[in-house]
Amino acid sequence: SACHQGGVAGAPMLGGRQAWAPLIEEGQAV
């Protein structure tokens, strides 16, 4: 949460669907 709560240094924010979409597409293991 130190970084992902507020998007520190570009970290995808918790619940941020747009930011997480390409990561989810990459796959859980990757």
PDB file of all heavy atoms in Angstrom:
ATOM      1  N   SER A   1       0.814  -1.212   0.000  1.00  0.00           N
ATOM      2  CA  SER A   1       0.000   0.000   0.000  1.00  0.00           C
ATOM      3  C   SER A   1       0.847   1.262   0.000  1.00  0.00           C
ATOM      4  O   SER A   1       0.380   2.322  -0.442  1.00  0.00           O
ATOM      5  CB  SER A   1      -0.942   0.010   1.202  1.00  0.00           C
ATOM      6  OG  SER A   1      -0.213  -0.020   2.424  1.00  0.00           O
ATOM      7  N   ALA A   2       2.089   1.181   0.468  1.00  0.00           N
ATOM      8  CA  ALA A   2       2.962   2.358   0.502  1.00  0.00           C
ATOM      9  C   ALA A   2       3.093   2.994  -0.869  1.00  0.00           C
ATOM     10  O   ALA A   2       3.177   4.214  -0.994  1.00  0.00           O
ATOM     11  CB  ALA A   2       4.346   1.973   1.034  1.00  0.00           C
ATOM     12  N   CYS A   3       3.086   2.169  -1.915  1.00  0.00           N
ATOM     13  CA  CYS A   3       3.188   2.697  -3.284  1.00  0.00           C
ATOM     14  C   CYS A   3       1.894   2.533  -4.074  1.00  0.00           C
ATOM     15  O   CYS A   3       1.503   3.428  -4.833  1.00  0.00           O
ATOM     16  CB  CYS A   3       4.322   1.999  -4.035  1.00  0.00           C
ATOM     17  SG  CYS A   3       5.976   2.403  -3.409  1.00  0.00           S
ATOM     18  N   HIS A   4       1.208   1.392  -3.896  1.00  0.00           N
ATOM     19  CA  HIS A   4       0.046   1.090  -4.737  1.00  0.00           C
ATOM     20  C   HIS A   4      -1.230   1.799  -4.296  1.00  0.00           C
ATOM     21  O   HIS A   4      -2.196   1.855  -5.056  1.00  0.00           O
ATOM     22  CB  HIS A   4      -0.176  -0.424  -4.808  1.00  0.00           C
ATOM     23  CG  HIS A   4       0.857  -1.142  -5.618  1.00  0.00           C
ATOM     24  ND1 HIS A   4       0.771  -1.266  -6.989  1.00  0.00           N
ATOM     25  CD2 HIS A   4       2.015  -1.746  -5.251  1.00  0.00           C
ATOM     26  CE1 HIS A   4       1.822  -1.938  -7.436  1.00  0.00           C
ATOM     27  NE2 HIS A   4       2.596  -2.239  -6.403  1.00  0.00           N
ATOM     28  N   GLN A   5      -1.237   2.354  -3.079  1.00  0.00           N
ATOM     29  CA  GLN A   5      -2.418   3.081  -2.630  1.00  0.00           C
ATOM     30  C   GLN A   5      -2.562   4.405  -3.383  1.00  0.00           C
ATOM     31  O   GLN A   5      -3.655   4.809  -3.769  1.00  0.00           O
ATOM     32  CB  GLN A   5      -2.333   3.352  -1.132  1.00  0.00           C
ATOM     33  CG  GLN A   5      -3.565   4.076  -0.559  1.00  0.00           C
ATOM     34  CD  GLN A   5      -4.814   3.209  -0.597  1.00  0.00           C
ATOM     35  OE1 GLN A   5      -4.742   1.991  -0.440  1.00  0.00           O
ATOM     36  NE2 GLN A   5      -5.962   3.830  -0.821  1.00  0.00           N
ATOM     37  N   GLY A   6      -1.416   5.072  -3.598  1.00  0.00           N
ATOM     38  CA  GLY A   6      -1.472   6.380  -4.255  1.00  0.00           C
ATOM     39  C   GLY A   6      -0.810   6.435  -5.615  1.00  0.00           C
ATOM     40  O   GLY A   6      -0.670   7.508  -6.192  1.00  0.00           O
ATOM     41  N   GLY A   7      -0.357   5.277  -6.135  1.00  0.00           N
ATOM     42  CA  GLY A   7       0.270   5.260  -7.454  1.00  0.00           C
ATOM     43  C   GLY A   7       1.660   5.862  -7.459  1.00  0.00           C
ATOM     44  O   GLY A   7       2.084   6.481  -8.438  1.00  0.00           O
ATOM     45  N   VAL A   8       2.410   5.660  -6.368  1.00  0.00           N
ATOM     46  CA  VAL A   8       3.755   6.212  -6.246  1.00  0.00           C
ATOM     47  C   VAL A   8       4.668   5.673  -7.342  1.00  0.00           C
ATOM     48  O   VAL A   8       4.697   4.470  -7.603  1.00  0.00           O
ATOM     49  CB  VAL A   8       4.346   5.885  -4.855  1.00  0.00           C
ATOM     50  CG1 VAL A   8       5.825   6.232  -4.790  1.00  0.00           C
ATOM     51  CG2 VAL A   8       3.582   6.634  -3.775  1.00  0.00           C
ATOM     52  N   ALA A   9       5.426   6.576  -7.980  1.00  0.00           N
ATOM     53  CA  ALA A   9       6.413   6.205  -9.008  1.00  0.00           C
ATOM     54  C   ALA A   9       5.801   5.325 -10.102  1.00  0.00           C
ATOM     55  O   ALA A   9       6.460   4.437 -10.640  1.00  0.00           O
ATOM     56  CB  ALA A   9       7.614   5.507  -8.368  1.00  0.00           C
ATOM     57  N   GLY A  10       4.527   5.558 -10.421  1.00  0.00           N
ATOM     58  CA  GLY A  10       3.883   4.828 -11.508  1.00  0.00           C
ATOM     59  C   GLY A  10       3.310   3.482 -11.123  1.00  0.00           C
ATOM     60  O   GLY A  10       2.850   2.728 -11.994  1.00  0.00           O
ATOM     61  N   ALA A  11       3.311   3.138  -9.825  1.00  0.00           N
ATOM     62  CA  ALA A  11       2.749   1.856  -9.394  1.00  0.00           C
ATOM     63  C   ALA A  11       1.251   1.827  -9.707  1.00  0.00           C
ATOM     64  O   ALA A  11       0.539   2.787  -9.411  1.00  0.00           O
ATOM     65  CB  ALA A  11       2.960   1.664  -7.897  1.00  0.00           C
ATOM     66  N   PRO A  12       0.749   0.736 -10.313  1.00  0.00           N
ATOM     67  CA  PRO A  12      -0.693   0.659 -10.597  1.00  0.00           C
ATOM     68  C   PRO A  12      -1.494   0.671  -9.299  1.00  0.00           C
ATOM     69  O   PRO A  12      -1.243  -0.122  -8.399  1.00  0.00           O
ATOM     70  CB  PRO A  12      -0.837  -0.678 -11.336  1.00  0.00           C
ATOM     71  CG  PRO A  12       0.367  -1.478 -10.944  1.00  0.00           C
ATOM     72  CD  PRO A  12       1.461  -0.479 -10.742  1.00  0.00           C
ATOM     73  N   MET A  13      -2.426   1.581  -9.196  1.00  0.00           N
ATOM     74  CA  MET A  13      -3.175   1.762  -7.948  1.00  0.00           C
ATOM     75  C   MET A  13      -4.165   0.624  -7.712  1.00  0.00           C
ATOM     76  O   MET A  13      -4.682   0.025  -8.661  1.00  0.00           O
ATOM     77  CB  MET A  13      -3.914   3.096  -7.974  1.00  0.00           C
ATOM     78  CG  MET A  13      -3.010   4.304  -7.901  1.00  0.00           C
ATOM     79  SD  MET A  13      -3.898   5.878  -8.024  1.00  0.00           S
ATOM     80  CE  MET A  13      -4.958   5.774  -6.561  1.00  0.00           C
ATOM     81  N   LEU A  14      -4.391   0.347  -6.440  1.00  0.00           N
ATOM     82  CA  LEU A  14      -5.377  -0.651  -6.062  1.00  0.00           C
ATOM     83  C   LEU A  14      -6.733  -0.266  -6.669  1.00  0.00           C
ATOM     84  O   LEU A  14      -7.199   0.865  -6.510  1.00  0.00           O
ATOM     85  CB  LEU A  14      -5.495  -0.718  -4.543  1.00  0.00           C
ATOM     86  CG  LEU A  14      -6.362  -1.851  -3.997  1.00  0.00           C
ATOM     87  CD1 LEU A  14      -5.609  -3.167  -4.104  1.00  0.00           C
ATOM     88  CD2 LEU A  14      -6.724  -1.579  -2.532  1.00  0.00           C
ATOM     89  N   GLY A  15      -7.330  -1.211  -7.393  1.00  0.00           N
ATOM     90  CA  GLY A  15      -8.632  -0.963  -7.998  1.00  0.00           C
ATOM     91  C   GLY A  15      -8.574  -0.192  -9.304  1.00  0.00           C
ATOM     92  O   GLY A  15      -9.624   0.046  -9.919  1.00  0.00           O
ATOM     93  N   GLY A  16      -7.365   0.190  -9.753  1.00  0.00           N
ATOM     94  CA  GLY A  16      -7.234   0.950 -10.998  1.00  0.00           C
ATOM     95  C   GLY A  16      -7.331   0.049 -12.218  1.00  0.00           C
ATOM     96  O   GLY A  16      -6.327  -0.514 -12.676  1.00  0.00           O
ATOM     97  N   ARG A  17      -8.519  -0.111 -12.728  1.00  0.00           N
ATOM     98  CA  ARG A  17      -8.754  -1.065 -13.833  1.00  0.00           C
ATOM     99  C   ARG A  17      -7.931  -0.742 -15.074  1.00  0.00           C
ATOM    100  O   ARG A  17      -7.399  -1.644 -15.730  1.00  0.00           O
ATOM    101  CB  ARG A  17     -10.242  -1.124 -14.169  1.00  0.00           C
ATOM    102  CG  ARG A  17     -11.077  -1.800 -13.081  1.00  0.00           C
ATOM    103  CD  ARG A  17     -12.565  -1.804 -13.400  1.00  0.00           C
ATOM    104  NE  ARG A  17     -13.296  -2.520 -12.379  1.00  0.00           N
ATOM    105  CZ  ARG A  17     -13.663  -3.814 -12.467  1.00  0.00           C
ATOM    106  NH1 ARG A  17     -13.354  -4.503 -13.539  1.00  0.00           N
ATOM    107  NH2 ARG A  17     -14.320  -4.398 -11.474  1.00  0.00           N
ATOM    108  N   GLN A  18      -7.831   0.534 -15.417  1.00  0.00           N
ATOM    109  CA  GLN A  18      -7.096   0.893 -16.624  1.00  0.00           C
ATOM    110  C   GLN A  18      -5.619   0.562 -16.492  1.00  0.00           C
ATOM    111  O   GLN A  18      -4.996   0.056 -17.432  1.00  0.00           O
ATOM    112  CB  GLN A  18      -7.281   2.387 -16.928  1.00  0.00           C
ATOM    113  CG  GLN A  18      -6.627   2.816 -18.240  1.00  0.00           C
ATOM    114  CD  GLN A  18      -6.933   4.261 -18.591  1.00  0.00           C
ATOM    115  OE1 GLN A  18      -7.710   4.925 -17.928  1.00  0.00           O
ATOM    116  NE2 GLN A  18      -6.330   4.745 -19.655  1.00  0.00           N
ATOM    117  N   ALA A  19      -5.042   0.854 -15.347  1.00  0.00           N
ATOM    118  CA  ALA A  19      -3.624   0.583 -15.129  1.00  0.00           C
ATOM    119  C   ALA A  19      -3.331  -0.912 -15.043  1.00  0.00           C
ATOM    120  O   ALA A  19      -2.283  -1.385 -15.493  1.00  0.00           O
ATOM    121  CB  ALA A  19      -3.152   1.284 -13.858  1.00  0.00           C
ATOM    122  N   TRP A  20      -4.271  -1.659 -14.459  1.00  0.00           N
ATOM    123  CA  TRP A  20      -4.043  -3.093 -14.278  1.00  0.00           C
ATOM    124  C   TRP A  20      -4.381  -3.914 -15.514  1.00  0.00           C
ATOM    125  O   TRP A  20      -3.906  -5.058 -15.648  1.00  0.00           O
ATOM    126  CB  TRP A  20      -4.865  -3.600 -13.087  1.00  0.00           C
ATOM    127  CG  TRP A  20      -4.159  -3.421 -11.780  1.00  0.00           C
ATOM    128  CD1 TRP A  20      -4.295  -2.392 -10.897  1.00  0.00           C
ATOM    129  CD2 TRP A  20      -3.173  -4.303 -11.212  1.00  0.00           C
ATOM    130  NE1 TRP A  20      -3.468  -2.567  -9.817  1.00  0.00           N
ATOM    131  CE2 TRP A  20      -2.775  -3.735  -9.979  1.00  0.00           C
ATOM    132  CE3 TRP A  20      -2.606  -5.501 -11.621  1.00  0.00           C
ATOM    133  CZ2 TRP A  20      -1.816  -4.335  -9.157  1.00  0.00           C
ATOM    134  CZ3 TRP A  20      -1.662  -6.113 -10.798  1.00  0.00           C
ATOM    135  CH2 TRP A  20      -1.281  -5.528  -9.597  1.00  0.00           C
ATOM    136  N   ALA A  21      -5.181  -3.370 -16.429  1.00  0.00           N
ATOM    137  CA  ALA A  21      -5.644  -4.160 -17.582  1.00  0.00           C
ATOM    138  C   ALA A  21      -4.510  -4.819 -18.372  1.00  0.00           C
ATOM    139  O   ALA A  21      -4.548  -6.033 -18.625  1.00  0.00           O
ATOM    140  CB  ALA A  21      -6.507  -3.287 -18.501  1.00  0.00           C
ATOM    141  N   PRO A  22      -3.447  -4.077 -18.767  1.00  0.00           N
ATOM    142  CA  PRO A  22      -2.371  -4.736 -19.528  1.00  0.00           C
ATOM    143  C   PRO A  22      -1.606  -5.755 -18.697  1.00  0.00           C
ATOM    144  O   PRO A  22      -1.083  -6.738 -19.241  1.00  0.00           O
ATOM    145  CB  PRO A  22      -1.471  -3.569 -19.954  1.00  0.00           C
ATOM    146  CG  PRO A  22      -1.782  -2.463 -19.004  1.00  0.00           C
ATOM    147  CD  PRO A  22      -3.217  -2.621 -18.644  1.00  0.00           C
ATOM    148  N   LEU A  23      -1.548  -5.545 -17.379  1.00  0.00           N
ATOM    149  CA  LEU A  23      -0.858  -6.506 -16.514  1.00  0.00           C
ATOM    150  C   LEU A  23      -1.668  -7.794 -16.388  1.00  0.00           C
ATOM    151  O   LEU A  23      -1.114  -8.904 -16.436  1.00  0.00           O
ATOM    152  CB  LEU A  23      -0.619  -5.893 -15.132  1.00  0.00           C
ATOM    153  CG  LEU A  23       0.221  -4.615 -15.107  1.00  0.00           C
ATOM    154  CD1 LEU A  23       0.286  -4.046 -13.694  1.00  0.00           C
ATOM    155  CD2 LEU A  23       1.621  -4.880 -15.632  1.00  0.00           C
ATOM    156  N   ILE A  24      -2.962  -7.631 -16.230  1.00  0.00           N
ATOM    157  CA  ILE A  24      -3.837  -8.809 -16.155  1.00  0.00           C
ATOM    158  C   ILE A  24      -3.746  -9.606 -17.444  1.00  0.00           C
ATOM    159  O   ILE A  24      -3.722 -10.839 -17.431  1.00  0.00           O
ATOM    160  CB  ILE A  24      -5.284  -8.366 -15.860  1.00  0.00           C
ATOM    161  CG1 ILE A  24      -5.366  -7.773 -14.439  1.00  0.00           C
ATOM    162  CG2 ILE A  24      -6.249  -9.538 -16.007  1.00  0.00           C
ATOM    163  CD1 ILE A  24      -6.679  -7.094 -14.125  1.00  0.00           C
ATOM    164  N   GLU A  25      -3.641  -8.876 -18.555  1.00  0.00           N
ATOM    165  CA  GLU A  25      -3.508  -9.546 -19.854  1.00  0.00           C
ATOM    166  C   GLU A  25      -2.208 -10.324 -19.954  1.00  0.00           C
ATOM    167  O   GLU A  25      -2.126 -11.388 -20.557  1.00  0.00           O
ATOM    168  CB  GLU A  25      -3.553  -8.483 -20.958  1.00  0.00           C
ATOM    169  CG  GLU A  25      -3.360  -9.060 -22.320  1.00  0.00           C
ATOM    170  CD  GLU A  25      -4.601  -8.954 -23.190  1.00  0.00           C
ATOM    171  OE1 GLU A  25      -5.597  -8.332 -22.829  1.00  0.00           O
ATOM    172  OE2 GLU A  25      -4.539  -9.542 -24.236  1.00  0.00           O
ATOM    173  N   GLU A  26      -1.139  -9.790 -19.328  1.00  0.00           N
ATOM    174  CA  GLU A  26       0.167 -10.471 -19.338  1.00  0.00           C
ATOM    175  C   GLU A  26       0.103 -11.824 -18.644  1.00  0.00           C
ATOM    176  O   GLU A  26       0.810 -12.760 -19.014  1.00  0.00           O
ATOM    177  CB  GLU A  26       1.202  -9.600 -18.618  1.00  0.00           C
ATOM    178  CG  GLU A  26       2.156  -8.878 -19.546  1.00  0.00           C
ATOM    179  CD  GLU A  26       3.278  -8.220 -18.781  1.00  0.00           C
ATOM    180  OE1 GLU A  26       2.978  -7.304 -17.991  1.00  0.00           O
ATOM    181  OE2 GLU A  26       4.437  -8.641 -18.947  1.00  0.00           O
ATOM    182  N   GLY A  27      -0.710 -11.920 -17.632  1.00  0.00           N
ATOM    183  CA  GLY A  27      -0.860 -13.196 -16.943  1.00  0.00           C
ATOM    184  C   GLY A  27      -0.312 -13.187 -15.532  1.00  0.00           C
ATOM    185  O   GLY A  27       0.659 -12.478 -15.219  1.00  0.00           O
ATOM    186  N   GLN A  28      -0.935 -13.977 -14.675  1.00  0.00           N
ATOM    187  CA  GLN A  28      -0.596 -13.987 -13.256  1.00  0.00           C
ATOM    188  C   GLN A  28       0.849 -14.391 -12.995  1.00  0.00           C
ATOM    189  O   GLN A  28       1.541 -13.754 -12.198  1.00  0.00           O
ATOM    190  CB  GLN A  28      -1.546 -14.922 -12.502  1.00  0.00           C
ATOM    191  CG  GLN A  28      -1.339 -14.940 -10.990  1.00  0.00           C
ATOM    192  CD  GLN A  28      -2.425 -15.711 -10.252  1.00  0.00           C
ATOM    193  OE1 GLN A  28      -3.369 -16.201 -10.877  1.00  0.00           O
ATOM    194  NE2 GLN A  28      -2.305 -15.816  -8.947  1.00  0.00           N
ATOM    195  N   ALA A  29       1.315 -15.439 -13.650  1.00  0.00           N
ATOM    196  CA  ALA A  29       2.675 -15.930 -13.394  1.00  0.00           C
ATOM    197  C   ALA A  29       3.721 -14.911 -13.829  1.00  0.00           C
ATOM    198  O   ALA A  29       4.698 -14.655 -13.107  1.00  0.00           O
ATOM    199  CB  ALA A  29       2.901 -17.251 -14.122  1.00  0.00           C
ATOM    200  N   VAL A  30       3.520 -14.312 -14.991  1.00  0.00           N
ATOM    201  CA  VAL A  30       4.496 -13.350 -15.520  1.00  0.00           C
ATOM    202  C   VAL A  30       4.568 -12.109 -14.636  1.00  0.00           C
ATOM    203  O   VAL A  30       5.649 -11.677 -14.233  1.00  0.00           O
ATOM    204  CB  VAL A  30       4.141 -12.967 -16.966  1.00  0.00           C
ATOM    205  CG1 VAL A  30       5.032 -11.829 -17.461  1.00  0.00           C
ATOM    206  CG2 VAL A  30       4.277 -14.163 -17.893  1.00  0.00           C
TER     207      VAL A  30
END
